[in-house]
PDB file of all heavy atoms in Angstrom:
ATOM      1  N   ILE A   1       9.423 269.473 160.545  1.00  0.00           N
ATOM      2  CA  ILE A   1       9.987 270.776 160.251  1.00  0.00           C
ATOM      3  C   ILE A   1       8.860 271.637 159.538  1.00  0.00           C
ATOM      4  O   ILE A   1       8.785 272.897 159.839  1.00  0.00           O
ATOM      5  CB  ILE A   1      11.246 270.684 159.340  1.00  0.00           C
ATOM      6  CG1 ILE A   1      11.855 272.069 159.214  1.00  0.00           C
ATOM      7  CG2 ILE A   1      10.881 270.009 158.061  1.00  0.00           C
ATOM      8  CD1 ILE A   1      12.243 272.765 160.488  1.00  0.00           C
ATOM      9  N   ASP A   2       8.020 271.048 158.787  1.00  0.00           N
ATOM     10  CA  ASP A   2       6.990 271.903 158.104  1.00  0.00           C
ATOM     11  C   ASP A   2       6.059 272.511 159.191  1.00  0.00           C
ATOM     12  O   ASP A   2       5.658 273.652 159.061  1.00  0.00           O
ATOM     13  CB  ASP A   2       6.142 271.091 157.087  1.00  0.00           C
ATOM     14  CG  ASP A   2       6.939 270.615 155.883  1.00  0.00           C
ATOM     15  OD1 ASP A   2       7.955 271.361 155.570  1.00  0.00           O
ATOM     16  OD2 ASP A   2       6.628 269.619 155.327  1.00  0.00           O
ATOM     17  N   GLU A   3       5.784 271.688 160.165  1.00  0.00           N
ATOM     18  CA  GLU A   3       4.911 272.229 161.287  1.00  0.00           C
ATOM     19  C   GLU A   3       5.645 273.280 162.084  1.00  0.00           C
ATOM     20  O   GLU A   3       5.045 274.343 162.485  1.00  0.00           O
ATOM     21  CB  GLU A   3       4.536 271.023 162.209  1.00  0.00           C
ATOM     22  CG  GLU A   3       3.580 271.421 163.355  1.00  0.00           C
ATOM     23  CD  GLU A   3       3.177 270.245 164.250  1.00  0.00           C
ATOM     24  OE1 GLU A   3       3.550 269.076 163.851  1.00  0.00           O
ATOM     25  OE2 GLU A   3       2.585 270.514 165.349  1.00  0.00           O
ATOM     26  N   ALA A   4       6.919 273.074 162.267  1.00  0.00           N
ATOM     27  CA  ALA A   4       7.655 274.145 163.044  1.00  0.00           C
ATOM     28  C   ALA A   4       7.772 275.462 162.274  1.00  0.00           C
ATOM     29  O   ALA A   4       7.844 276.478 162.893  1.00  0.00           O
ATOM     30  CB  ALA A   4       9.061 273.573 163.320  1.00  0.00           C
ATOM     31  N   LEU A   5       7.778 275.326 160.910  1.00  0.00           N
ATOM     32  CA  LEU A   5       7.921 276.559 160.125  1.00  0.00           C
ATOM     33  C   LEU A   5       6.581 277.250 159.838  1.00  0.00           C
ATOM     34  O   LEU A   5       6.483 278.367 159.388  1.00  0.00           O
ATOM     35  CB  LEU A   5       8.604 276.278 158.779  1.00  0.00           C
ATOM     36  CG  LEU A   5      10.096 275.963 158.848  1.00  0.00           C
ATOM     37  CD1 LEU A   5      10.472 275.462 157.456  1.00  0.00           C
ATOM     38  CD2 LEU A   5      10.862 277.194 159.228  1.00  0.00           C
ATOM     39  N   ALA A   6       5.459 276.506 160.105  1.00  0.00           N
ATOM     40  CA  ALA A   6       4.174 277.005 159.768  1.00  0.00           C
ATOM     41  C   ALA A   6       3.834 278.371 160.357  1.00  0.00           C
ATOM     42  O   ALA A   6       4.085 278.579 161.588  1.00  0.00           O
ATOM     43  CB  ALA A   6       3.091 276.037 160.160  1.00  0.00           C
ATOM     44  N   GLY A   7       3.473 279.376 159.469  1.00  0.00           N
ATOM     45  CA  GLY A   7       3.202 280.690 160.035  1.00  0.00           C
ATOM     46  C   GLY A   7       4.396 281.601 160.327  1.00  0.00           C
ATOM     47  O   GLY A   7       4.267 282.749 160.670  1.00  0.00           O
ATOM     48  N   ARG A   8       5.599 281.080 160.159  1.00  0.00           N
ATOM     49  CA  ARG A   8       6.793 281.807 160.358  1.00  0.00           C
ATOM     50  C   ARG A   8       7.323 282.480 159.066  1.00  0.00           C
ATOM     51  O   ARG A   8       7.278 281.800 158.027  1.00  0.00           O
ATOM     52  CB  ARG A   8       7.929 280.997 160.965  1.00  0.00           C
ATOM     53  CG  ARG A   8       7.633 280.493 162.454  1.00  0.00           C
ATOM     54  CD  ARG A   8       9.001 279.748 162.870  1.00  0.00           C
ATOM     55  NE  ARG A   8       8.827 279.182 164.196  1.00  0.00           N
ATOM     56  CZ  ARG A   8       9.351 279.863 165.256  1.00  0.00           C
ATOM     57  NH1 ARG A   8       9.745 281.095 165.245  1.00  0.00           N
ATOM     58  NH2 ARG A   8       9.167 279.246 166.470  1.00  0.00           N
ATOM     59  N   PRO A   9       7.708 283.712 159.095  1.00  0.00           N
ATOM     60  CA  PRO A   9       8.183 284.301 157.785  1.00  0.00           C
ATOM     61  C   PRO A   9       9.625 283.881 157.582  1.00  0.00           C
ATOM     62  O   PRO A   9      10.574 284.771 157.563  1.00  0.00           O
ATOM     63  CB  PRO A   9       8.075 285.848 158.155  1.00  0.00           C
ATOM     64  CG  PRO A   9       8.292 285.941 159.568  1.00  0.00           C
ATOM     65  CD  PRO A   9       7.704 284.670 160.205  1.00  0.00           C
ATOM     66  N   ILE A  10       9.914 282.611 157.350  1.00  0.00           N
ATOM     67  CA  ILE A  10      11.201 282.044 157.179  1.00  0.00           C
ATOM     68  C   ILE A  10      11.290 281.260 155.942  1.00  0.00           C
ATOM     69  O   ILE A  10      10.386 280.396 155.660  1.00  0.00           O
ATOM     70  CB  ILE A  10      11.575 281.191 158.495  1.00  0.00           C
ATOM     71  CG1 ILE A  10      11.639 282.147 159.725  1.00  0.00           C
ATOM     72  CG2 ILE A  10      12.880 280.442 158.193  1.00  0.00           C
ATOM     73  CD1 ILE A  10      11.962 281.310 160.966  1.00  0.00           C
ATOM     74  N   THR A  11      12.419 281.385 155.201  1.00  0.00           N
ATOM     75  CA  THR A  11      12.713 280.682 154.003  1.00  0.00           C
ATOM     76  C   THR A  11      13.725 279.585 154.343  1.00  0.00           C
ATOM     77  O   THR A  11      14.740 279.830 155.089  1.00  0.00           O
ATOM     78  CB  THR A  11      13.314 281.566 152.973  1.00  0.00           C
ATOM     79  OG1 THR A  11      12.317 282.614 152.577  1.00  0.00           O
ATOM     80  CG2 THR A  11      13.664 280.797 151.653  1.00  0.00           C
ATOM     81  N   ARG A  12      13.447 278.447 153.820  1.00  0.00           N
ATOM     82  CA  ARG A  12      14.287 277.238 154.015  1.00  0.00           C
ATOM     83  C   ARG A  12      14.951 276.876 152.663  1.00  0.00           C
ATOM     84  O   ARG A  12      14.234 276.757 151.633  1.00  0.00           O
ATOM     85  CB  ARG A  12      13.424 276.115 154.539  1.00  0.00           C
ATOM     86  CG  ARG A  12      14.186 274.707 154.537  1.00  0.00           C
ATOM     87  CD  ARG A  12      13.230 273.577 154.788  1.00  0.00           C
ATOM     88  NE  ARG A  12      13.776 272.296 154.498  1.00  0.00           N
ATOM     89  CZ  ARG A  12      13.208 271.154 154.626  1.00  0.00           C
ATOM     90  NH1 ARG A  12      11.857 271.128 155.013  1.00  0.00           N
ATOM     91  NH2 ARG A  12      13.769 269.971 154.384  1.00  0.00           N
ATOM     92  N   THR A  13      16.306 276.618 152.751  1.00  0.00           N
ATOM     93  CA  THR A  13      16.954 276.042 151.573  1.00  0.00           C
ATOM     94  C   THR A  13      17.805 274.914 152.045  1.00  0.00           C
ATOM     95  O   THR A  13      18.498 275.019 152.990  1.00  0.00           O
ATOM     96  CB  THR A  13      17.792 277.166 150.836  1.00  0.00           C
ATOM     97  OG1 THR A  13      18.797 277.672 151.806  1.00  0.00           O
ATOM     98  CG2 THR A  13      16.941 278.260 150.276  1.00  0.00           C
ATOM     99  N   ASP A  14      17.824 273.811 151.266  1.00  0.00           N
ATOM    100  CA  ASP A  14      18.609 272.679 151.611  1.00  0.00           C
ATOM    101  C   ASP A  14      19.830 272.520 150.740  1.00  0.00           C
ATOM    102  O   ASP A  14      19.802 272.955 149.514  1.00  0.00           O
ATOM    103  CB  ASP A  14      17.680 271.424 151.389  1.00  0.00           C
ATOM    104  CG  ASP A  14      16.522 271.357 152.375  1.00  0.00           C
ATOM    105  OD1 ASP A  14      16.683 271.751 153.557  1.00  0.00           O
ATOM    106  OD2 ASP A  14      15.541 270.755 151.970  1.00  0.00           O
ATOM    107  N   HIS A  15      20.877 272.064 151.319  1.00  0.00           N
ATOM    108  CA  HIS A  15      22.198 271.997 150.647  1.00  0.00           C
ATOM    109  C   HIS A  15      22.875 270.664 150.998  1.00  0.00           C
ATOM    110  O   HIS A  15      22.594 269.994 151.971  1.00  0.00           O
ATOM    111  CB  HIS A  15      23.129 273.096 151.133  1.00  0.00           C
ATOM    112  CG  HIS A  15      22.586 274.460 150.869  1.00  0.00           C
ATOM    113  ND1 HIS A  15      22.872 275.246 149.792  1.00  0.00           N
ATOM    114  CD2 HIS A  15      21.719 275.247 151.579  1.00  0.00           C
ATOM    115  CE1 HIS A  15      22.272 276.366 149.870  1.00  0.00           C
ATOM    116  NE2 HIS A  15      21.578 276.411 150.989  1.00  0.00           N
ATOM    117  N   THR A  16      23.755 270.177 150.062  1.00  0.00           N
ATOM    118  CA  THR A  16      24.572 269.116 150.400  1.00  0.00           C
ATOM    119  C   THR A  16      26.006 269.676 150.388  1.00  0.00           C
ATOM    120  O   THR A  16      26.470 270.295 149.460  1.00  0.00           O
ATOM    121  CB  THR A  16      24.504 267.958 149.333  1.00  0.00           C
ATOM    122  OG1 THR A  16      23.207 267.558 149.250  1.00  0.00           O
ATOM    123  CG2 THR A  16      25.459 266.851 149.523  1.00  0.00           C
ATOM    124  N   ILE A  17      26.724 269.417 151.495  1.00  0.00           N
ATOM    125  CA  ILE A  17      28.093 270.124 151.692  1.00  0.00           C
ATOM    126  C   ILE A  17      28.992 268.885 151.971  1.00  0.00           C
ATOM    127  O   ILE A  17      28.633 267.777 152.261  1.00  0.00           O
ATOM    128  CB  ILE A  17      28.095 271.121 152.768  1.00  0.00           C
ATOM    129  CG1 ILE A  17      27.890 270.473 154.151  1.00  0.00           C
ATOM    130  CG2 ILE A  17      26.998 272.092 152.506  1.00  0.00           C
ATOM    131  CD1 ILE A  17      27.944 271.523 155.298  1.00  0.00           C
ATOM    132  N   HIS A  18      30.322 269.184 151.877  1.00  0.00           N
ATOM    133  CA  HIS A  18      31.321 268.237 152.135  1.00  0.00           C
ATOM    134  C   HIS A  18      31.784 268.264 153.533  1.00  0.00           C
ATOM    135  O   HIS A  18      32.186 269.334 154.055  1.00  0.00           O
ATOM    136  CB  HIS A  18      32.600 268.485 151.217  1.00  0.00           C
ATOM    137  CG  HIS A  18      32.243 268.324 149.673  1.00  0.00           C
ATOM    138  ND1 HIS A  18      31.937 267.070 149.162  1.00  0.00           N
ATOM    139  CD2 HIS A  18      32.240 269.186 148.722  1.00  0.00           C
ATOM    140  CE1 HIS A  18      31.767 267.201 147.855  1.00  0.00           C
ATOM    141  NE2 HIS A  18      31.901 268.499 147.532  1.00  0.00           N
ATOM    142  N   GLY A  19      31.699 267.068 154.217  1.00  0.00           N
ATOM    143  CA  GLY A  19      32.132 266.968 155.592  1.00  0.00           C
ATOM    144  C   GLY A  19      33.538 266.407 155.657  1.00  0.00           C
ATOM    145  O   GLY A  19      34.346 266.470 154.769  1.00  0.00           O
ATOM    146  N   TYR A  20      33.763 265.723 156.762  1.00  0.00           N
ATOM    147  CA  TYR A  20      35.102 265.125 157.012  1.00  0.00           C
ATOM    148  C   TYR A  20      35.535 264.170 155.958  1.00  0.00           C
ATOM    149  O   TYR A  20      34.696 263.347 155.511  1.00  0.00           O
ATOM    150  CB  TYR A  20      35.055 264.423 158.375  1.00  0.00           C
ATOM    151  CG  TYR A  20      36.297 263.703 158.793  1.00  0.00           C
ATOM    152  CD1 TYR A  20      37.505 264.533 158.858  1.00  0.00           C
ATOM    153  CD2 TYR A  20      36.358 262.409 159.117  1.00  0.00           C
ATOM    154  CE1 TYR A  20      38.732 263.906 159.293  1.00  0.00           C
ATOM    155  CE2 TYR A  20      37.538 261.762 159.530  1.00  0.00           C
ATOM    156  CZ  TYR A  20      38.716 262.535 159.552  1.00  0.00           C
ATOM    157  OH  TYR A  20      39.912 261.969 160.043  1.00  0.00           O
ATOM    158  N   GLU A  21      36.740 264.253 155.397  1.00  0.00           N
ATOM    159  CA  GLU A  21      37.276 263.459 154.373  1.00  0.00           C
ATOM    160  C   GLU A  21      36.357 263.523 153.122  1.00  0.00           C
ATOM    161  O   GLU A  21      36.418 262.462 152.324  1.00  0.00           O
ATOM    162  CB  GLU A  21      37.440 262.049 154.874  1.00  0.00           C
ATOM    163  CG  GLU A  21      38.492 261.963 155.963  1.00  0.00           C
ATOM    164  CD  GLU A  21      38.963 260.491 156.266  1.00  0.00           C
ATOM    165  OE1 GLU A  21      38.072 259.641 156.133  1.00  0.00           O
ATOM    166  OE2 GLU A  21      40.021 260.349 156.773  1.00  0.00           O
ATOM    167  N   GLY A  22      35.753 264.577 152.841  1.00  0.00           N
ATOM    168  CA  GLY A  22      34.945 264.784 151.657  1.00  0.00           C
ATOM    169  C   GLY A  22      33.603 264.121 151.592  1.00  0.00           C
ATOM    170  O   GLY A  22      32.864 264.175 150.651  1.00  0.00           O
ATOM    171  N   GLY A  23      33.171 263.536 152.668  1.00  0.00           N
ATOM    172  CA  GLY A  23      31.878 262.878 152.703  1.00  0.00           C
ATOM    173  C   GLY A  23      30.756 263.874 152.640  1.00  0.00           C
ATOM    174  O   GLY A  23      30.892 265.014 153.069  1.00  0.00           O
ATOM    175  N   GLN A  24      29.675 263.484 152.002  1.00  0.00           N
ATOM    176  CA  GLN A  24      28.563 264.413 151.739  1.00  0.00           C
ATOM    177  C   GLN A  24      27.546 264.313 152.931  1.00  0.00           C
ATOM    178  O   GLN A  24      27.197 263.283 153.467  1.00  0.00           O
ATOM    179  CB  GLN A  24      27.836 264.009 150.482  1.00  0.00           C
ATOM    180  CG  GLN A  24      28.582 264.259 149.238  1.00  0.00           C
ATOM    181  CD  GLN A  24      27.724 264.134 147.986  1.00  0.00           C
ATOM    182  OE1 GLN A  24      26.744 263.361 147.935  1.00  0.00           O
ATOM    183  NE2 GLN A  24      28.109 264.885 146.958  1.00  0.00           N
ATOM    184  N   ILE A  25      27.225 265.526 153.481  1.00  0.00           N
ATOM    185  CA  ILE A  25      26.258 265.652 154.499  1.00  0.00           C
ATOM    186  C   ILE A  25      25.203 266.713 154.112  1.00  0.00           C
ATOM    187  O   ILE A  25      25.465 267.636 153.429  1.00  0.00           O
ATOM    188  CB  ILE A  25      27.028 266.063 155.836  1.00  0.00           C
ATOM    189  CG1 ILE A  25      27.795 267.299 155.619  1.00  0.00           C
ATOM    190  CG2 ILE A  25      27.791 264.879 156.326  1.00  0.00           C
ATOM    191  CD1 ILE A  25      28.543 267.707 157.000  1.00  0.00           C
ATOM    192  N   ALA A  26      24.026 266.534 154.734  1.00  0.00           N
ATOM    193  CA  ALA A  26      22.943 267.470 154.488  1.00  0.00           C
ATOM    194  C   ALA A  26      22.895 268.598 155.458  1.00  0.00           C
ATOM    195  O   ALA A  26      23.032 268.395 156.683  1.00  0.00           O
ATOM    196  CB  ALA A  26      21.636 266.666 154.527  1.00  0.00           C
ATOM    197  N   ALA A  27      22.674 269.784 154.912  1.00  0.00           N
ATOM    198  CA  ALA A  27      22.565 270.991 155.730  1.00  0.00           C
ATOM    199  C   ALA A  27      21.381 271.799 155.264  1.00  0.00           C
ATOM    200  O   ALA A  27      20.993 271.693 154.069  1.00  0.00           O
ATOM    201  CB  ALA A  27      23.824 271.793 155.627  1.00  0.00           C
ATOM    202  N   THR A  28      20.832 272.562 156.083  1.00  0.00           N
ATOM    203  CA  THR A  28      19.668 273.410 155.756  1.00  0.00           C
ATOM    204  C   THR A  28      19.959 274.838 156.294  1.00  0.00           C
ATOM    205  O   THR A  28      20.514 274.961 157.390  1.00  0.00           O
ATOM    206  CB  THR A  28      18.390 272.907 156.431  1.00  0.00           C
ATOM    207  OG1 THR A  28      18.002 271.662 155.727  1.00  0.00           O
ATOM    208  CG2 THR A  28      17.156 273.891 156.193  1.00  0.00           C
ATOM    209  N   VAL A  29      19.573 275.835 155.474  1.00  0.00           N
ATOM    210  CA  VAL A  29      19.745 277.231 155.910  1.00  0.00           C
ATOM    211  C   VAL A  29      18.373 277.830 156.033  1.00  0.00           C
ATOM    212  O   VAL A  29      17.473 277.719 155.204  1.00  0.00           O
ATOM    213  CB  VAL A  29      20.560 278.014 154.751  1.00  0.00           C
ATOM    214  CG1 VAL A  29      20.616 279.480 155.069  1.00  0.00           C
ATOM    215  CG2 VAL A  29      21.931 277.387 154.567  1.00  0.00           C
ATOM    216  N   PHE A  30      18.218 278.481 157.183  1.00  0.00           N
ATOM    217  CA  PHE A  30      16.986 279.253 157.487  1.00  0.00           C
ATOM    218  C   PHE A  30      17.335 280.707 157.510  1.00  0.00           C
ATOM    219  O   PHE A  30      18.236 281.178 158.177  1.00  0.00           O
ATOM    220  CB  PHE A  30      16.396 278.777 158.807  1.00  0.00           C
ATOM    221  CG  PHE A  30      15.943 277.372 158.824  1.00  0.00           C
ATOM    222  CD1 PHE A  30      16.657 276.379 159.560  1.00  0.00           C
ATOM    223  CD2 PHE A  30      14.756 276.947 158.220  1.00  0.00           C
ATOM    224  CE1 PHE A  30      16.219 275.070 159.572  1.00  0.00           C
ATOM    225  CE2 PHE A  30      14.343 275.678 158.202  1.00  0.00           C
ATOM    226  CZ  PHE A  30      15.058 274.727 158.931  1.00  0.00           C
ATOM    227  N   ALA A  31      16.535 281.535 156.822  1.00  0.00           N
ATOM    228  CA  ALA A  31      16.673 282.974 156.845  1.00  0.00           C
ATOM    229  C   ALA A  31      15.298 283.572 156.837  1.00  0.00           C
ATOM    230  O   ALA A  31      14.342 282.984 156.344  1.00  0.00           O
ATOM    231  CB  ALA A  31      17.541 283.463 155.577  1.00  0.00           C
ATOM    232  N   ARG A  32      15.211 284.806 157.383  1.00  0.00           N
ATOM    233  CA  ARG A  32      14.008 285.546 157.336  1.00  0.00           C
ATOM    234  C   ARG A  32      13.604 285.899 155.936  1.00  0.00           C
ATOM    235  O   ARG A  32      14.464 286.177 155.028  1.00  0.00           O
ATOM    236  CB  ARG A  32      14.183 286.766 158.115  1.00  0.00           C
ATOM    237  CG  ARG A  32      12.816 287.394 158.800  1.00  0.00           C
ATOM    238  CD  ARG A  32      13.164 288.248 159.876  1.00  0.00           C
ATOM    239  NE  ARG A  32      13.720 289.507 159.435  1.00  0.00           N
ATOM    240  CZ  ARG A  32      14.092 290.505 160.325  1.00  0.00           C
ATOM    241  NH1 ARG A  32      13.979 290.389 161.557  1.00  0.00           N
ATOM    242  NH2 ARG A  32      14.688 291.645 159.914  1.00  0.00           N
TER     243      ARG A  32
END
């Protein structure tokens, strides 16, 4: 992912969210 983002004007933020039956899953948000 670092290579994919290299040179792109994009900000990455990582989150932990609640999935099915409350289980924790990892999500990432990309924005300009």
